[in-house]
């Protein structure tokens, strides 16, 4: 199996393991692959979790307990392509619990990580060559918090 050369590393104060376990519980084909602990003379308490390597649906990520120096921001997010509205609804419900919804399919989870939960229909509709249809879909999307595939499709069909 080829190693994923580049992967995201998410910075947490001290919630890396909790976050990784939460994410792995939500996505199919996901697992924690390694937990590394701070040793004597390290930056963290000896024996506490330093780094958690995990996979979400095959994507390799790391979660680092680096202390309170840096916080996650919406400047980076994980975008999830969903085949069905049911998948959008399920992922949205699980990820927003304890966090907060934003708009246009964005949410912040309880750990402060931003996610985009996107039905696969949206990029297809947005690539249409008819600018009126693209504008109608865009306008519909801008009114939504969680994206609704049927409403996006109706906006496209009516334009």
N, C-alpha and C. Protein backbone atom coordinates (compact mmCIF):
# COMPACT_ATOMS: atom_id res chain seq x y z
N UNK A 1 0.84 -1.18 0.00
CA UNK A 1 0.00 0.00 0.00
C UNK A 1 0.89 1.25 0.00
N UNK A 2 0.59 2.18 -0.88
CA UNK A 2 1.37 3.40 -0.97
C UNK A 2 1.07 4.31 0.22
N UNK A 3 2.10 4.89 0.77
CA UNK A 3 1.94 5.80 1.91
C UNK A 3 1.47 7.15 1.38
N UNK A 4 0.50 7.73 2.09
CA UNK A 4 0.03 9.07 1.76
C UNK A 4 1.12 10.05 2.17
N UNK A 5 1.75 10.68 1.22
CA UNK A 5 2.92 11.52 1.48
C UNK A 5 2.58 12.77 2.29
N UNK A 6 1.44 13.37 2.04
CA UNK A 6 1.03 14.59 2.74
C UNK A 6 -0.26 14.30 3.48
N UNK A 7 -0.32 14.71 4.73
CA UNK A 7 -1.55 14.52 5.50
C UNK A 7 -1.73 15.66 6.50
N UNK A 8 -2.98 15.99 6.81
CA UNK A 8 -3.24 17.06 7.78
C UNK A 8 -2.86 16.63 9.20
N UNK A 9 -2.34 17.57 9.96
CA UNK A 9 -2.08 17.38 11.38
C UNK A 9 -2.88 18.46 12.11
N UNK A 10 -3.79 18.03 12.95
CA UNK A 10 -4.69 18.94 13.66
C UNK A 10 -4.14 19.20 15.06
N UNK A 11 -4.09 20.45 15.46
CA UNK A 11 -3.52 20.85 16.76
C UNK A 11 -4.64 20.98 17.78
N UNK A 12 -4.49 20.29 18.88
CA UNK A 12 -5.42 20.39 19.99
C UNK A 12 -4.64 20.76 21.25
N UNK A 13 -5.34 21.29 22.23
CA UNK A 13 -4.72 21.56 23.52
C UNK A 13 -4.41 20.22 24.18
N UNK A 14 -5.47 19.47 24.50
CA UNK A 14 -5.29 18.16 25.13
C UNK A 14 -6.41 17.18 24.76
N UNK A 15 -7.06 17.41 23.63
CA UNK A 15 -8.21 16.59 23.23
C UNK A 15 -7.96 15.73 22.01
N UNK A 16 -6.73 15.53 21.63
CA UNK A 16 -6.42 14.82 20.39
C UNK A 16 -7.02 13.42 20.36
N UNK A 17 -6.85 12.67 21.42
CA UNK A 17 -7.36 11.30 21.42
C UNK A 17 -8.88 11.27 21.42
N UNK A 18 -9.51 12.13 22.21
CA UNK A 18 -10.98 12.20 22.23
C UNK A 18 -11.51 12.58 20.85
N UNK A 19 -10.88 13.55 20.21
CA UNK A 19 -11.32 13.98 18.88
C UNK A 19 -11.16 12.84 17.87
N UNK A 20 -10.01 12.20 17.86
CA UNK A 20 -9.77 11.10 16.90
C UNK A 20 -10.79 9.98 17.12
N UNK A 21 -11.04 9.61 18.36
CA UNK A 21 -12.03 8.56 18.65
C UNK A 21 -13.41 8.97 18.16
N UNK A 22 -13.76 10.23 18.37
CA UNK A 22 -15.06 10.73 17.92
C UNK A 22 -15.17 10.64 16.40
N UNK A 23 -14.18 11.13 15.69
CA UNK A 23 -14.23 11.14 14.23
C UNK A 23 -14.26 9.71 13.67
N UNK A 24 -13.45 8.83 14.24
CA UNK A 24 -13.41 7.44 13.79
C UNK A 24 -14.76 6.76 14.00
N UNK A 25 -15.48 7.15 15.04
CA UNK A 25 -16.80 6.55 15.30
C UNK A 25 -17.85 7.00 14.30
N UNK A 26 -17.60 8.09 13.61
CA UNK A 26 -18.59 8.66 12.68
C UNK A 26 -18.43 8.13 11.26
N UNK A 27 -17.21 7.97 10.81
CA UNK A 27 -16.96 7.64 9.40
C UNK A 27 -16.62 6.16 9.23
N UNK A 28 -17.23 5.55 8.22
CA UNK A 28 -16.94 4.14 7.89
C UNK A 28 -15.49 4.03 7.42
N UNK A 29 -14.97 2.83 7.48
CA UNK A 29 -13.60 2.56 7.04
C UNK A 29 -12.59 3.51 7.70
N UNK A 30 -12.74 3.65 9.01
CA UNK A 30 -11.87 4.56 9.77
C UNK A 30 -11.30 3.84 10.97
N UNK A 31 -10.12 4.28 11.39
CA UNK A 31 -9.49 3.64 12.54
C UNK A 31 -8.36 4.49 13.08
N UNK A 32 -8.06 4.28 14.35
CA UNK A 32 -6.87 4.87 14.96
C UNK A 32 -5.73 3.90 14.67
N UNK A 33 -4.64 4.42 14.15
CA UNK A 33 -3.53 3.55 13.76
C UNK A 33 -2.36 3.58 14.74
N UNK A 34 -2.25 4.67 15.51
CA UNK A 34 -1.15 4.73 16.49
C UNK A 34 -1.41 5.86 17.47
N UNK A 35 -1.06 5.61 18.72
CA UNK A 35 -1.10 6.64 19.75
C UNK A 35 0.30 6.73 20.34
N UNK A 36 0.90 7.91 20.24
CA UNK A 36 2.24 8.15 20.79
C UNK A 36 2.09 8.98 22.06
N UNK A 37 2.93 8.71 23.02
CA UNK A 37 2.84 9.39 24.32
C UNK A 37 4.10 10.20 24.60
N UNK A 38 3.92 11.25 25.38
CA UNK A 38 5.06 12.05 25.81
C UNK A 38 5.93 11.23 26.75
N UNK A 39 7.23 11.37 26.61
CA UNK A 39 8.18 10.71 27.51
C UNK A 39 8.75 11.72 28.50
N UNK A 40 9.66 11.25 29.30
CA UNK A 40 10.36 12.13 30.24
C UNK A 40 11.09 13.21 29.46
N UNK A 41 11.03 14.42 29.94
CA UNK A 41 11.74 15.52 29.29
C UNK A 41 11.01 16.08 28.08
N UNK A 42 9.81 15.55 27.76
CA UNK A 42 9.04 16.07 26.63
C UNK A 42 8.25 17.31 27.04
N UNK A 43 7.52 17.84 26.12
CA UNK A 43 6.74 19.05 26.37
C UNK A 43 5.48 18.78 27.17
N UNK A 44 5.01 17.53 27.16
CA UNK A 44 3.80 17.19 27.88
C UNK A 44 4.10 16.34 29.10
N UNK A 45 3.05 16.08 29.86
CA UNK A 45 3.19 15.23 31.04
C UNK A 45 3.59 13.82 30.58
N UNK A 46 4.63 13.25 31.17
CA UNK A 46 5.06 11.90 30.78
C UNK A 46 3.90 10.90 30.84
N UNK A 47 3.73 10.16 29.75
CA UNK A 47 2.66 9.17 29.65
C UNK A 47 1.38 9.70 29.03
N UNK A 48 1.24 11.02 28.95
CA UNK A 48 0.03 11.58 28.33
C UNK A 48 0.13 11.49 26.81
N UNK A 49 -1.01 11.54 26.16
CA UNK A 49 -1.06 11.41 24.70
C UNK A 49 -0.41 12.62 24.04
N UNK A 50 0.51 12.35 23.14
CA UNK A 50 1.16 13.40 22.36
C UNK A 50 0.54 13.48 20.96
N UNK A 51 0.48 12.34 20.26
CA UNK A 51 0.06 12.33 18.87
C UNK A 51 -0.82 11.10 18.61
N UNK A 52 -1.90 11.32 17.89
CA UNK A 52 -2.77 10.22 17.49
C UNK A 52 -2.81 10.21 15.98
N UNK A 53 -2.40 9.11 15.38
CA UNK A 53 -2.51 8.92 13.94
C UNK A 53 -3.78 8.13 13.69
N UNK A 54 -4.58 8.59 12.72
CA UNK A 54 -5.84 7.91 12.43
C UNK A 54 -6.20 8.08 10.96
N UNK A 55 -7.16 7.27 10.54
CA UNK A 55 -7.67 7.34 9.17
C UNK A 55 -9.16 7.57 9.20
N UNK A 56 -9.62 8.46 8.34
CA UNK A 56 -11.05 8.68 8.13
C UNK A 56 -11.36 8.30 6.69
N UNK A 57 -12.08 7.22 6.52
CA UNK A 57 -12.42 6.73 5.19
C UNK A 57 -11.18 6.67 4.30
N UNK A 58 -10.07 6.23 4.88
CA UNK A 58 -8.84 6.06 4.13
C UNK A 58 -7.91 7.27 4.13
N UNK A 59 -8.39 8.45 4.55
CA UNK A 59 -7.55 9.64 4.61
C UNK A 59 -6.74 9.62 5.90
N UNK A 60 -5.44 9.73 5.77
CA UNK A 60 -4.56 9.74 6.95
C UNK A 60 -4.52 11.13 7.56
N UNK A 61 -4.69 11.20 8.88
CA UNK A 61 -4.59 12.44 9.62
C UNK A 61 -3.84 12.19 10.91
N UNK A 62 -3.37 13.26 11.52
CA UNK A 62 -2.78 13.19 12.85
C UNK A 62 -3.45 14.23 13.72
N UNK A 63 -3.54 13.94 15.01
CA UNK A 63 -4.05 14.88 15.99
C UNK A 63 -2.97 15.03 17.06
N UNK A 64 -2.54 16.25 17.29
CA UNK A 64 -1.45 16.55 18.20
C UNK A 64 -1.97 17.27 19.43
N UNK A 65 -1.59 16.80 20.60
CA UNK A 65 -1.83 17.55 21.83
C UNK A 65 -0.64 18.48 22.03
N UNK A 66 -0.76 19.68 21.51
CA UNK A 66 0.36 20.62 21.53
C UNK A 66 0.23 21.72 22.56
N UNK A 67 -0.86 21.71 23.33
CA UNK A 67 -1.06 22.75 24.33
C UNK A 67 -1.92 23.89 23.80
N UNK A 68 -2.10 24.90 24.61
CA UNK A 68 -3.05 25.98 24.30
C UNK A 68 -2.51 27.07 23.36
N UNK A 69 -1.35 26.88 22.80
CA UNK A 69 -0.70 27.93 22.01
C UNK A 69 -1.43 28.29 20.73
N UNK A 70 -2.06 27.30 20.09
CA UNK A 70 -2.75 27.53 18.82
C UNK A 70 -4.14 26.94 18.89
N UNK A 71 -5.06 27.54 18.15
CA UNK A 71 -6.44 27.07 18.10
C UNK A 71 -6.82 26.77 16.65
N UNK A 72 -7.71 25.80 16.48
CA UNK A 72 -8.26 25.53 15.15
C UNK A 72 -9.12 26.72 14.74
N UNK A 73 -9.13 27.01 13.44
CA UNK A 73 -9.96 28.10 12.93
C UNK A 73 -10.67 27.64 11.66
N UNK A 74 -11.71 28.36 11.24
CA UNK A 74 -12.38 28.01 9.99
C UNK A 74 -11.51 28.24 8.75
N UNK A 75 -10.30 28.77 8.94
CA UNK A 75 -9.42 28.99 7.80
C UNK A 75 -9.04 27.67 7.13
N UNK A 76 -9.18 26.56 7.87
CA UNK A 76 -9.00 25.25 7.26
C UNK A 76 -10.17 24.38 7.73
N UNK A 77 -10.67 23.59 6.81
CA UNK A 77 -11.80 22.72 7.14
C UNK A 77 -11.62 21.40 6.42
N UNK A 78 -12.35 20.41 6.89
CA UNK A 78 -12.40 19.13 6.19
C UNK A 78 -13.72 19.10 5.43
N UNK A 79 -13.64 18.87 4.15
CA UNK A 79 -14.82 18.85 3.29
C UNK A 79 -15.19 17.40 2.99
N UNK A 80 -16.47 17.09 3.19
CA UNK A 80 -16.95 15.72 3.00
C UNK A 80 -17.98 15.71 1.88
N UNK A 81 -17.72 14.93 0.84
CA UNK A 81 -18.66 14.75 -0.27
C UNK A 81 -19.63 13.63 0.10
N UNK A 82 -20.91 13.96 0.05
CA UNK A 82 -21.95 13.00 0.45
C UNK A 82 -22.77 12.57 -0.75
N UNK A 83 -22.97 11.26 -0.90
CA UNK A 83 -23.72 10.74 -2.03
C UNK A 83 -25.22 11.02 -1.93
N UNK A 84 -25.76 11.05 -0.72
CA UNK A 84 -27.21 11.20 -0.54
C UNK A 84 -27.51 12.26 0.50
N UNK A 85 -28.75 12.72 0.49
CA UNK A 85 -29.18 13.66 1.52
C UNK A 85 -29.18 12.98 2.89
N UNK A 86 -29.48 11.71 2.92
CA UNK A 86 -29.45 10.97 4.20
C UNK A 86 -28.04 11.02 4.80
N UNK A 87 -27.02 10.86 3.96
CA UNK A 87 -25.65 10.94 4.45
C UNK A 87 -25.33 12.34 4.95
N UNK A 88 -25.77 13.37 4.22
CA UNK A 88 -25.60 14.75 4.67
C UNK A 88 -26.22 14.92 6.05
N UNK A 89 -27.48 14.48 6.18
CA UNK A 89 -28.21 14.64 7.44
C UNK A 89 -27.53 13.91 8.59
N UNK A 90 -27.08 12.68 8.36
CA UNK A 90 -26.45 11.88 9.40
C UNK A 90 -25.12 12.49 9.84
N UNK A 91 -24.27 12.83 8.89
CA UNK A 91 -22.97 13.42 9.25
C UNK A 91 -23.15 14.77 9.93
N UNK A 92 -24.07 15.56 9.42
CA UNK A 92 -24.33 16.87 10.02
C UNK A 92 -24.73 16.71 11.49
N UNK A 93 -25.67 15.83 11.74
CA UNK A 93 -26.17 15.63 13.10
C UNK A 93 -25.05 15.18 14.04
N UNK A 94 -24.23 14.25 13.59
CA UNK A 94 -23.16 13.72 14.44
C UNK A 94 -22.03 14.73 14.66
N UNK A 95 -21.69 15.49 13.65
CA UNK A 95 -20.58 16.42 13.77
C UNK A 95 -20.96 17.72 14.46
N UNK A 96 -22.18 18.20 14.29
CA UNK A 96 -22.57 19.47 14.89
C UNK A 96 -22.93 19.34 16.37
N UNK A 97 -23.19 18.11 16.83
CA UNK A 97 -23.57 17.91 18.23
C UNK A 97 -22.46 18.43 19.15
N UNK A 98 -22.80 19.39 19.98
CA UNK A 98 -21.83 20.00 20.88
C UNK A 98 -21.03 21.11 20.23
N UNK A 99 -21.24 21.31 18.93
CA UNK A 99 -20.54 22.37 18.19
C UNK A 99 -21.53 23.44 17.78
N UNK A 100 -21.32 24.00 16.60
CA UNK A 100 -22.25 25.03 16.14
C UNK A 100 -22.33 25.05 14.62
N UNK A 101 -23.55 25.20 14.12
CA UNK A 101 -23.72 25.30 12.68
C UNK A 101 -23.27 26.67 12.19
N UNK A 102 -22.90 26.72 10.94
CA UNK A 102 -22.56 28.00 10.33
C UNK A 102 -23.53 28.22 9.18
N UNK A 103 -23.04 28.33 7.97
CA UNK A 103 -23.92 28.49 6.82
C UNK A 103 -23.30 27.83 5.61
N UNK A 104 -24.14 27.60 4.62
CA UNK A 104 -23.69 27.02 3.35
C UNK A 104 -23.01 25.67 3.52
N UNK A 105 -23.50 24.87 4.49
CA UNK A 105 -22.96 23.53 4.68
C UNK A 105 -21.78 23.44 5.62
N UNK A 106 -21.40 24.55 6.24
CA UNK A 106 -20.26 24.56 7.16
C UNK A 106 -20.76 24.40 8.59
N UNK A 107 -19.93 23.74 9.40
CA UNK A 107 -20.19 23.64 10.83
C UNK A 107 -18.87 23.56 11.57
N UNK A 108 -18.92 23.86 12.85
CA UNK A 108 -17.76 23.69 13.71
C UNK A 108 -18.13 22.62 14.73
N UNK A 109 -17.31 21.59 14.84
CA UNK A 109 -17.63 20.52 15.78
C UNK A 109 -17.25 20.91 17.21
N UNK A 110 -17.51 20.02 18.15
CA UNK A 110 -17.28 20.33 19.56
C UNK A 110 -15.81 20.52 19.92
N UNK A 111 -14.91 20.13 19.03
CA UNK A 111 -13.48 20.30 19.26
C UNK A 111 -12.94 21.56 18.58
N UNK A 112 -13.79 22.25 17.83
CA UNK A 112 -13.38 23.47 17.13
C UNK A 112 -12.95 23.28 15.70
N UNK A 113 -13.04 22.04 15.18
CA UNK A 113 -12.66 21.77 13.80
C UNK A 113 -13.84 22.10 12.87
N UNK A 114 -13.55 22.81 11.79
CA UNK A 114 -14.57 23.17 10.81
C UNK A 114 -14.71 22.08 9.75
N UNK A 115 -15.95 21.83 9.37
CA UNK A 115 -16.29 20.83 8.38
C UNK A 115 -17.21 21.46 7.34
N UNK A 116 -17.11 20.97 6.12
CA UNK A 116 -18.07 21.28 5.05
C UNK A 116 -18.73 19.96 4.67
N UNK A 117 -20.04 19.90 4.85
CA UNK A 117 -20.79 18.69 4.52
C UNK A 117 -21.55 19.00 3.23
N UNK A 118 -21.09 18.41 2.13
CA UNK A 118 -21.51 18.83 0.80
C UNK A 118 -22.15 17.67 0.03
N UNK A 119 -23.41 17.83 -0.37
CA UNK A 119 -24.00 16.80 -1.24
C UNK A 119 -23.31 16.82 -2.60
N UNK A 120 -23.07 15.65 -3.16
CA UNK A 120 -22.35 15.56 -4.44
C UNK A 120 -23.04 16.33 -5.56
N UNK A 121 -24.33 16.55 -5.42
CA UNK A 121 -25.06 17.27 -6.46
C UNK A 121 -24.59 18.73 -6.58
N UNK A 122 -24.15 19.33 -5.50
CA UNK A 122 -23.80 20.76 -5.54
C UNK A 122 -22.68 21.08 -6.53
N UNK A 123 -21.52 20.44 -6.46
CA UNK A 123 -20.48 20.79 -7.44
C UNK A 123 -20.91 20.54 -8.88
N UNK A 124 -21.71 19.50 -9.09
CA UNK A 124 -22.19 19.22 -10.45
C UNK A 124 -23.06 20.37 -10.95
N UNK A 125 -23.99 20.83 -10.11
CA UNK A 125 -24.86 21.93 -10.51
C UNK A 125 -24.08 23.23 -10.70
N UNK A 126 -23.08 23.44 -9.88
CA UNK A 126 -22.30 24.68 -9.95
C UNK A 126 -21.37 24.72 -11.17
N UNK A 127 -21.14 23.59 -11.81
CA UNK A 127 -20.29 23.56 -13.01
C UNK A 127 -21.09 23.77 -14.30
N UNK A 128 -22.39 23.95 -14.19
CA UNK A 128 -23.21 24.12 -15.39
C UNK A 128 -22.74 25.34 -16.19
N UNK A 129 -22.88 25.25 -17.49
CA UNK A 129 -22.44 26.36 -18.35
C UNK A 129 -23.45 27.51 -18.40
N UNK A 130 -24.64 27.28 -17.88
CA UNK A 130 -25.67 28.32 -17.87
C UNK A 130 -25.51 29.16 -16.60
N UNK A 131 -25.07 30.42 -16.74
CA UNK A 131 -24.84 31.25 -15.56
C UNK A 131 -26.11 31.51 -14.73
N UNK A 132 -27.26 31.51 -15.38
CA UNK A 132 -28.51 31.72 -14.63
C UNK A 132 -28.78 30.54 -13.69
N UNK A 133 -28.50 29.34 -14.15
CA UNK A 133 -28.68 28.16 -13.31
C UNK A 133 -27.68 28.15 -12.15
N UNK A 134 -26.44 28.49 -12.44
CA UNK A 134 -25.41 28.55 -11.39
C UNK A 134 -25.79 29.61 -10.36
N UNK A 135 -26.28 30.76 -10.82
CA UNK A 135 -26.68 31.82 -9.91
C UNK A 135 -27.86 31.38 -9.04
N UNK A 136 -28.81 30.67 -9.62
CA UNK A 136 -29.97 30.20 -8.86
C UNK A 136 -29.54 29.22 -7.77
N UNK A 137 -28.64 28.32 -8.11
CA UNK A 137 -28.14 27.36 -7.12
C UNK A 137 -27.35 28.09 -6.03
N UNK A 138 -26.53 29.04 -6.42
CA UNK A 138 -25.75 29.82 -5.46
C UNK A 138 -26.67 30.57 -4.50
N UNK A 139 -27.69 31.21 -5.05
CA UNK A 139 -28.63 31.96 -4.20
C UNK A 139 -29.35 31.02 -3.24
N UNK A 140 -29.75 29.86 -3.70
CA UNK A 140 -30.41 28.89 -2.82
C UNK A 140 -29.45 28.44 -1.72
N UNK A 141 -28.21 28.14 -2.09
CA UNK A 141 -27.21 27.68 -1.12
C UNK A 141 -26.97 28.75 -0.04
N UNK A 142 -26.95 30.00 -0.44
CA UNK A 142 -26.67 31.08 0.51
C UNK A 142 -27.75 31.25 1.57
N UNK A 143 -28.92 30.67 1.34
CA UNK A 143 -30.00 30.76 2.34
C UNK A 143 -29.97 29.58 3.32
N UNK A 144 -29.11 28.61 3.08
CA UNK A 144 -29.11 27.37 3.86
C UNK A 144 -28.04 27.36 4.94
N UNK A 145 -28.32 26.63 5.98
CA UNK A 145 -27.32 26.28 6.98
C UNK A 145 -26.79 24.91 6.58
N UNK A 146 -27.57 23.86 6.81
CA UNK A 146 -27.24 22.53 6.30
C UNK A 146 -27.73 22.48 4.85
N UNK A 147 -26.92 21.97 3.94
CA UNK A 147 -27.31 21.95 2.54
C UNK A 147 -28.39 20.89 2.29
N UNK A 148 -29.32 21.25 1.42
CA UNK A 148 -30.46 20.40 1.08
C UNK A 148 -30.42 20.12 -0.43
N UNK A 149 -30.12 18.88 -0.77
CA UNK A 149 -29.95 18.49 -2.18
C UNK A 149 -31.19 18.78 -3.01
N UNK A 150 -32.36 18.46 -2.49
CA UNK A 150 -33.61 18.65 -3.25
C UNK A 150 -33.86 20.13 -3.53
N UNK A 151 -33.62 20.98 -2.55
CA UNK A 151 -33.82 22.42 -2.76
C UNK A 151 -32.81 22.99 -3.75
N UNK A 152 -31.59 22.50 -3.70
CA UNK A 152 -30.59 22.94 -4.67
C UNK A 152 -30.99 22.53 -6.08
N UNK A 153 -31.45 21.29 -6.23
CA UNK A 153 -31.90 20.78 -7.53
C UNK A 153 -33.10 21.57 -8.03
N UNK A 154 -34.06 21.88 -7.15
CA UNK A 154 -35.24 22.66 -7.57
C UNK A 154 -34.84 24.05 -8.04
N UNK A 155 -33.92 24.69 -7.35
CA UNK A 155 -33.46 26.01 -7.78
C UNK A 155 -32.84 25.92 -9.17
N UNK A 156 -32.05 24.89 -9.40
CA UNK A 156 -31.42 24.67 -10.69
C UNK A 156 -32.48 24.44 -11.76
N UNK A 157 -33.45 23.58 -11.49
CA UNK A 157 -34.48 23.22 -12.47
C UNK A 157 -35.37 24.40 -12.83
N UNK A 158 -35.60 25.29 -11.89
CA UNK A 158 -36.49 26.44 -12.11
C UNK A 158 -35.82 27.58 -12.88
N UNK A 159 -34.49 27.57 -12.89
CA UNK A 159 -33.77 28.69 -13.54
C UNK A 159 -33.78 28.54 -15.05
